[in-house]
Amino acid sequence: MRPLPGPAPAPGFADPVADSQRTFRALLDAIARPGTVARVGAAVAAPAPLSPAAAASLLTLVDFETPLWLDPAARAPEVDTWLRFHCGAPLVPDAAQARFALVAGPATALLPLDRFPAGDDAYPDRSATLIVLVADLRPGSGWRLTGPGIEDEARLAVDGLPAGFAAAWAANRALFPRGIDLFLAAGDRVAALPRTVRIEE
């Protein structure tokens, strides 16, 4: 294999098997119990603006078969090199082509949600999953969440999403069984919004 030009990319998982398993369990717990905040706990180095939770999620979920879209805030040469080296994911220029999307600047690049693939009634799994970098996640306050995986209600405050997100999410939820799913990453913590969850502000 020919070496990559320029400096070597930052390392990925310190222990690829154990760290990917640990991250997968955290992501599974987050999406099974919306409103909870899980700590990834995997040792991972990645270039800015990737947070540890976002980087670990990409290493766990994305591979050479999953077209990945990057928003403008994530389109740095170091990020491109790191993703190609560790994930092998094909980077696509259009959000409509993505199976996964990395949104590092949600205030300007997250909406409208309907430009991401929502699948179709026969194949709702052909939708996009978004990994969104946010400033903070605080369980126990903020939005009221209800839906599958939530016994009564859950509370989750999210800093860094654009105005109008809750309305856009209601439109996404109305597409069920179609629709996109979100992982919200802040530092080494992650929360999930599956398409079935209702948000009340």
C-alpha atoms as a PDB file:
ATOM      1  CA  MET A   1       0.000   0.000   0.000  1.00  0.00           C
ATOM      2  CA  ARG A   2       1.351   3.390  -0.971  1.00  0.00           C
ATOM      3  CA  PRO A   3       1.733   5.820   1.954  1.00  0.00           C
ATOM      4  CA  LEU A   4      -0.628   8.766   2.138  1.00  0.00           C
ATOM      5  CA  PRO A   5       0.957  12.070   1.105  1.00  0.00           C
ATOM      6  CA  GLY A   6       1.660  14.574   3.857  1.00  0.00           C
ATOM      7  CA  PRO A   7       1.654  13.936   7.609  1.00  0.00           C
ATOM      8  CA  ALA A   8       0.143  10.732   8.942  1.00  0.00           C
ATOM      9  CA  PRO A   9      -3.484  11.085  10.087  1.00  0.00           C
ATOM     10  CA  ALA A  10      -4.259  11.189  13.798  1.00  0.00           C
ATOM     11  CA  PRO A  11      -4.804   7.744  15.304  1.00  0.00           C
ATOM     12  CA  GLY A  12      -8.282   6.287  15.647  1.00  0.00           C
ATOM     13  CA  PHE A  13      -9.270   3.971  18.492  1.00  0.00           C
ATOM     14  CA  ALA A  14      -6.489   3.019  20.883  1.00  0.00           C
ATOM     15  CA  ASP A  15      -8.006  -0.488  21.084  1.00  0.00           C
ATOM     16  CA  PRO A  16     -10.111  -0.926  17.923  1.00  0.00           C
ATOM     17  CA  VAL A  17     -12.066  -3.998  19.027  1.00  0.00           C
ATOM     18  CA  ALA A  18     -12.836  -3.011  22.609  1.00  0.00           C
ATOM     19  CA  ASP A  19     -13.399   0.671  21.824  1.00  0.00           C
ATOM     20  CA  SER A  20     -15.742  -0.006  18.908  1.00  0.00           C
ATOM     21  CA  GLN A  21     -17.749  -2.417  21.065  1.00  0.00           C
ATOM     22  CA  ARG A  22     -17.883   0.120  23.897  1.00  0.00           C
ATOM     23  CA  THR A  23     -19.022   2.867  21.515  1.00  0.00           C
ATOM     24  CA  PHE A  24     -21.626   0.654  19.856  1.00  0.00           C
ATOM     25  CA  ARG A  25     -23.135  -0.155  23.264  1.00  0.00           C
ATOM     26  CA  ALA A  26     -23.299   3.567  24.126  1.00  0.00           C
ATOM     27  CA  LEU A  27     -24.973   4.413  20.808  1.00  0.00           C
ATOM     28  CA  LEU A  28     -27.404   1.519  21.153  1.00  0.00           C
ATOM     29  CA  ASP A  29     -28.306   2.598  24.672  1.00  0.00           C
ATOM     30  CA  ALA A  30     -28.814   6.189  23.543  1.00  0.00           C
ATOM     31  CA  ILE A  31     -31.144   5.325  20.669  1.00  0.00           C
ATOM     32  CA  ALA A  32     -33.053   2.688  22.661  1.00  0.00           C
ATOM     33  CA  ARG A  33     -33.698   5.199  25.464  1.00  0.00           C
ATOM     34  CA  PRO A  34     -34.199   8.631  23.875  1.00  0.00           C
ATOM     35  CA  GLY A  35     -33.463  11.518  26.199  1.00  0.00           C
ATOM     36  CA  THR A  36     -30.691   9.721  28.037  1.00  0.00           C
ATOM     37  CA  VAL A  37     -27.090  10.840  27.643  1.00  0.00           C
ATOM     38  CA  ALA A  38     -24.464   8.109  27.284  1.00  0.00           C
ATOM     39  CA  ARG A  39     -20.733   8.536  27.744  1.00  0.00           C
ATOM     40  CA  VAL A  40     -18.779   6.967  24.904  1.00  0.00           C
ATOM     41  CA  GLY A  41     -15.729   6.248  27.031  1.00  0.00           C
ATOM     42  CA  ALA A  42     -13.537   5.143  24.117  1.00  0.00           C
ATOM     43  CA  ALA A  43     -10.074   6.578  23.673  1.00  0.00           C
ATOM     44  CA  VAL A  44      -9.935   8.248  20.269  1.00  0.00           C
ATOM     45  CA  ALA A  45      -7.882  11.018  18.708  1.00  0.00           C
ATOM     46  CA  ALA A  46      -9.309  12.997  15.820  1.00  0.00           C
ATOM     47  CA  PRO A  47      -8.747  16.342  14.147  1.00  0.00           C
ATOM     48  CA  ALA A  48     -10.893  19.391  14.923  1.00  0.00           C
ATOM     49  CA  PRO A  49     -13.770  19.986  14.797  1.00  0.00           C
ATOM     50  CA  LEU A  50     -14.542  16.327  15.608  1.00  0.00           C
ATOM     51  CA  SER A  51     -15.424  15.728  19.243  1.00  0.00           C
ATOM     52  CA  PRO A  52     -14.466  12.421  20.871  1.00  0.00           C
ATOM     53  CA  ALA A  53     -18.078  11.193  20.748  1.00  0.00           C
ATOM     54  CA  ALA A  54     -18.557  12.197  17.105  1.00  0.00           C
ATOM     55  CA  ALA A  55     -15.255  10.633  16.069  1.00  0.00           C
ATOM     56  CA  ALA A  56     -15.985   7.395  17.933  1.00  0.00           C
ATOM     57  CA  SER A  57     -19.465   7.245  16.392  1.00  0.00           C
ATOM     58  CA  LEU A  58     -18.034   7.611  12.892  1.00  0.00           C
ATOM     59  CA  LEU A  59     -15.412   4.926  13.507  1.00  0.00           C
ATOM     60  CA  THR A  60     -18.144   2.572  14.730  1.00  0.00           C
ATOM     61  CA  LEU A  61     -20.935   3.219  12.233  1.00  0.00           C
ATOM     62  CA  VAL A  62     -19.298   4.295   8.970  1.00  0.00           C
ATOM     63  CA  ASP A  63     -17.357   2.141   6.510  1.00  0.00           C
ATOM     64  CA  PHE A  64     -16.581   1.844   2.805  1.00  0.00           C
ATOM     65  CA  GLU A  65     -20.212   0.974   2.012  1.00  0.00           C
ATOM     66  CA  THR A  66     -21.759   4.050   3.634  1.00  0.00           C
ATOM     67  CA  PRO A  67     -21.701   7.308   1.650  1.00  0.00           C
ATOM     68  CA  LEU A  68     -20.866  10.142   4.026  1.00  0.00           C
ATOM     69  CA  TRP A  69     -21.683  13.840   3.634  1.00  0.00           C
ATOM     70  CA  LEU A  70     -19.777  16.551   5.505  1.00  0.00           C
ATOM     71  CA  ASP A  71     -21.195  19.991   6.149  1.00  0.00           C
ATOM     72  CA  PRO A  72     -18.970  23.017   5.396  1.00  0.00           C
ATOM     73  CA  ALA A  73     -17.741  23.260   8.997  1.00  0.00           C
ATOM     74  CA  ALA A  74     -16.386  19.689   8.808  1.00  0.00           C
ATOM     75  CA  ARG A  75     -14.723  19.999   5.407  1.00  0.00           C
ATOM     76  CA  ALA A  76     -11.110  20.334   6.484  1.00  0.00           C
ATOM     77  CA  PRO A  77      -8.274  18.437   4.774  1.00  0.00           C
ATOM     78  CA  GLU A  78      -7.314  16.797   8.073  1.00  0.00           C
ATOM     79  CA  VAL A  79     -10.854  15.524   8.615  1.00  0.00           C
ATOM     80  CA  ASP A  80     -11.062  14.252   5.042  1.00  0.00           C
ATOM     81  CA  THR A  81      -7.758  12.379   5.400  1.00  0.00           C
ATOM     82  CA  TRP A  82      -8.697  10.971   8.821  1.00  0.00           C
ATOM     83  CA  LEU A  83     -12.068   9.667   7.617  1.00  0.00           C
ATOM     84  CA  ARG A  84     -10.685   8.133   4.438  1.00  0.00           C
ATOM     85  CA  PHE A  85      -7.863   6.437   6.338  1.00  0.00           C
ATOM     86  CA  HIS A  86      -9.862   5.061   9.277  1.00  0.00           C
ATOM     87  CA  CYS A  87     -13.344   4.528   7.774  1.00  0.00           C
ATOM     88  CA  GLY A  88     -12.785   4.285   4.039  1.00  0.00           C
ATOM     89  CA  ALA A  89     -16.154   5.978   3.563  1.00  0.00           C
ATOM     90  CA  PRO A  90     -16.893   7.530   0.176  1.00  0.00           C
ATOM     91  CA  LEU A  91     -17.446  11.265   0.713  1.00  0.00           C
ATOM     92  CA  VAL A  92     -20.385  12.582  -1.313  1.00  0.00           C
ATOM     93  CA  PRO A  93     -20.940  16.203  -2.351  1.00  0.00           C
ATOM     94  CA  ASP A  94     -24.716  16.237  -1.904  1.00  0.00           C
ATOM     95  CA  ALA A  95     -26.662  15.602   1.306  1.00  0.00           C
ATOM     96  CA  ALA A  96     -29.301  13.783  -0.755  1.00  0.00           C
ATOM     97  CA  GLN A  97     -26.738  11.032  -1.508  1.00  0.00           C
ATOM     98  CA  ALA A  98     -25.753  10.389   2.114  1.00  0.00           C
ATOM     99  CA  ARG A  99     -26.437   7.387   4.323  1.00  0.00           C
ATOM    100  CA  PHE A 100     -24.568   9.183   7.099  1.00  0.00           C
ATOM    101  CA  ALA A 101     -23.962  12.893   7.531  1.00  0.00           C
ATOM    102  CA  LEU A 102     -21.609  14.764   9.839  1.00  0.00           C
ATOM    103  CA  VAL A 103     -22.954  18.181  10.806  1.00  0.00           C
ATOM    104  CA  ALA A 104     -20.315  20.176  12.676  1.00  0.00           C
ATOM    105  CA  GLY A 105     -22.057  23.548  12.281  1.00  0.00           C
ATOM    106  CA  PRO A 106     -25.719  22.806  13.016  1.00  0.00           C
ATOM    107  CA  ALA A 107     -26.708  26.451  13.484  1.00  0.00           C
ATOM    108  CA  THR A 108     -26.221  27.040   9.764  1.00  0.00           C
ATOM    109  CA  ALA A 109     -26.081  23.598   8.116  1.00  0.00           C
ATOM    110  CA  LEU A 110     -28.611  21.299   9.813  1.00  0.00           C
ATOM    111  CA  LEU A 111     -31.833  22.627   8.316  1.00  0.00           C
ATOM    112  CA  PRO A 112     -33.756  21.874   6.209  1.00  0.00           C
ATOM    113  CA  LEU A 113     -33.921  18.248   7.312  1.00  0.00           C
ATOM    114  CA  ASP A 114     -35.821  17.179   4.210  1.00  0.00           C
ATOM    115  CA  ARG A 115     -32.699  17.460   2.020  1.00  0.00           C
ATOM    116  CA  PHE A 116     -31.405  14.274   3.663  1.00  0.00           C
ATOM    117  CA  PRO A 117     -32.737  10.907   2.421  1.00  0.00           C
ATOM    118  CA  ALA A 118     -35.774   9.775   4.387  1.00  0.00           C
ATOM    119  CA  GLY A 119     -36.064   6.329   2.768  1.00  0.00           C
ATOM    120  CA  ASP A 120     -39.344   5.184   1.295  1.00  0.00           C
ATOM    121  CA  ASP A 121     -42.324   3.186   2.534  1.00  0.00           C
ATOM    122  CA  ALA A 122     -40.911  -0.092   1.198  1.00  0.00           C
ATOM    123  CA  TYR A 123     -37.347   0.571   2.414  1.00  0.00           C
ATOM    124  CA  PRO A 124     -37.457   3.046   5.305  1.00  0.00           C
ATOM    125  CA  ASP A 125     -33.968   1.897   6.334  1.00  0.00           C
ATOM    126  CA  ARG A 126     -32.548   3.645   3.272  1.00  0.00           C
ATOM    127  CA  SER A 127     -32.675   6.901   5.186  1.00  0.00           C
ATOM    128  CA  ALA A 128     -29.795   8.985   6.505  1.00  0.00           C
ATOM    129  CA  THR A 129     -28.430   8.995  10.026  1.00  0.00           C
ATOM    130  CA  LEU A 130     -26.999  12.324  11.139  1.00  0.00           C
ATOM    131  CA  ILE A 131     -24.199  12.836  13.644  1.00  0.00           C
ATOM    132  CA  VAL A 132     -24.590  16.399  14.887  1.00  0.00           C
ATOM    133  CA  LEU A 133     -22.020  18.216  17.004  1.00  0.00           C
ATOM    134  CA  VAL A 134     -23.682  20.338  19.693  1.00  0.00           C
ATOM    135  CA  ALA A 135     -22.349  22.538  22.471  1.00  0.00           C
ATOM    136  CA  ASP A 136     -23.948  20.693  25.392  1.00  0.00           C
ATOM    137  CA  LEU A 137     -26.414  17.986  26.398  1.00  0.00           C
ATOM    138  CA  ARG A 138     -28.279  18.179  29.717  1.00  0.00           C
ATOM    139  CA  PRO A 139     -30.725  15.419  30.675  1.00  0.00           C
ATOM    140  CA  GLY A 140     -33.519  16.258  33.102  1.00  0.00           C
ATOM    141  CA  SER A 141     -34.440  19.673  31.666  1.00  0.00           C
ATOM    142  CA  GLY A 142     -35.382  21.284  28.373  1.00  0.00           C
ATOM    143  CA  TRP A 143     -37.472  19.526  25.736  1.00  0.00           C
ATOM    144  CA  ARG A 144     -40.193  17.091  26.746  1.00  0.00           C
ATOM    145  CA  LEU A 145     -39.673  13.868  24.789  1.00  0.00           C
ATOM    146  CA  THR A 146     -42.260  11.116  24.385  1.00  0.00           C
ATOM    147  CA  GLY A 147     -42.479   8.028  22.232  1.00  0.00           C
ATOM    148  CA  PRO A 148     -41.126   4.474  21.978  1.00  0.00           C
ATOM    149  CA  GLY A 149     -38.370   3.722  24.466  1.00  0.00           C
ATOM    150  CA  ILE A 150     -39.658   6.343  26.927  1.00  0.00           C
ATOM    151  CA  GLU A 151     -41.869   5.073  29.749  1.00  0.00           C
ATOM    152  CA  ASP A 152     -43.640   8.367  30.447  1.00  0.00           C
ATOM    153  CA  GLU A 153     -41.530  11.317  29.369  1.00  0.00           C
ATOM    154  CA  ALA A 154     -37.891  12.324  29.209  1.00  0.00           C
ATOM    155  CA  ARG A 155     -36.304  15.748  29.388  1.00  0.00           C
ATOM    156  CA  LEU A 156     -33.315  16.821  27.341  1.00  0.00           C
ATOM    157  CA  ALA A 157     -31.756  20.257  26.867  1.00  0.00           C
ATOM    158  CA  VAL A 158     -29.552  20.688  23.802  1.00  0.00           C
ATOM    159  CA  ASP A 159     -27.372  23.742  23.195  1.00  0.00           C
ATOM    160  CA  GLY A 160     -26.351  24.628  19.664  1.00  0.00           C
ATOM    161  CA  LEU A 161     -29.280  23.623  17.452  1.00  0.00           C
ATOM    162  CA  PRO A 162     -30.908  26.184  15.150  1.00  0.00           C
ATOM    163  CA  ALA A 163     -34.173  27.972  15.802  1.00  0.00           C
ATOM    164  CA  GLY A 164     -36.951  26.060  14.125  1.00  0.00           C
ATOM    165  CA  PHE A 165     -35.440  22.652  14.783  1.00  0.00           C
ATOM    166  CA  ALA A 166     -38.416  21.395  16.817  1.00  0.00           C
ATOM    167  CA  ALA A 167     -40.849  22.245  14.000  1.00  0.00           C
ATOM    168  CA  ALA A 168     -38.572  20.599  11.428  1.00  0.00           C
ATOM    169  CA  TRP A 169     -38.367  17.528  13.650  1.00  0.00           C
ATOM    170  CA  ALA A 170     -42.175  17.328  13.883  1.00  0.00           C
ATOM    171  CA  ALA A 171     -42.325  17.239  10.073  1.00  0.00           C
ATOM    172  CA  ASN A 172     -39.688  14.486  10.043  1.00  0.00           C
ATOM    173  CA  ARG A 173     -41.605  12.459  12.618  1.00  0.00           C
ATOM    174  CA  ALA A 174     -44.767  12.747  10.526  1.00  0.00           C
ATOM    175  CA  LEU A 175     -43.037  10.820   7.724  1.00  0.00           C
ATOM    176  CA  PHE A 176     -42.875   7.589   9.776  1.00  0.00           C
ATOM    177  CA  PRO A 177     -41.937   4.864   8.875  1.00  0.00           C
ATOM    178  CA  ARG A 178     -39.716   7.080   6.752  1.00  0.00           C
ATOM    179  CA  GLY A 179     -37.511   9.770   8.276  1.00  0.00           C
ATOM    180  CA  ILE A 180     -34.005  10.493   9.461  1.00  0.00           C
ATOM    181  CA  ASP A 181     -32.437   9.648  12.839  1.00  0.00           C
ATOM    182  CA  LEU A 182     -30.015  11.837  14.790  1.00  0.00           C
ATOM    183  CA  PHE A 183     -27.143  11.303  17.170  1.00  0.00           C
ATOM    184  CA  LEU A 184     -26.208  14.436  19.116  1.00  0.00           C
ATOM    185  CA  ALA A 185     -22.564  14.544  20.219  1.00  0.00           C
ATOM    186  CA  ALA A 186     -21.093  16.877  22.837  1.00  0.00           C
ATOM    187  CA  GLY A 187     -17.588  16.175  24.088  1.00  0.00           C
ATOM    188  CA  ASP A 188     -17.468  12.472  24.925  1.00  0.00           C
ATOM    189  CA  ARG A 189     -21.247  12.207  25.415  1.00  0.00           C
ATOM    190  CA  VAL A 190     -24.000  11.276  23.006  1.00  0.00           C
ATOM    191  CA  ALA A 191     -27.801  11.355  22.925  1.00  0.00           C
ATOM    192  CA  ALA A 192     -30.132  10.124  20.194  1.00  0.00           C
ATOM    193  CA  LEU A 193     -33.324  11.265  18.522  1.00  0.00           C
ATOM    194  CA  PRO A 194     -34.865   8.382  16.584  1.00  0.00           C
ATOM    195  CA  ARG A 195     -37.534   9.382  14.069  1.00  0.00           C
ATOM    196  CA  THR A 196     -40.312   8.107  16.356  1.00  0.00           C
ATOM    197  CA  VAL A 197     -39.681  10.616  19.148  1.00  0.00           C
ATOM    198  CA  ARG A 198     -41.985  13.593  19.707  1.00  0.00           C
ATOM    199  CA  ILE A 199     -40.388  16.853  20.874  1.00  0.00           C
ATOM    200  CA  GLU A 200     -42.326  19.454  22.839  1.00  0.00           C
ATOM    201  CA  GLU A 201     -40.576  22.707  23.726  1.00  0.00           C
END
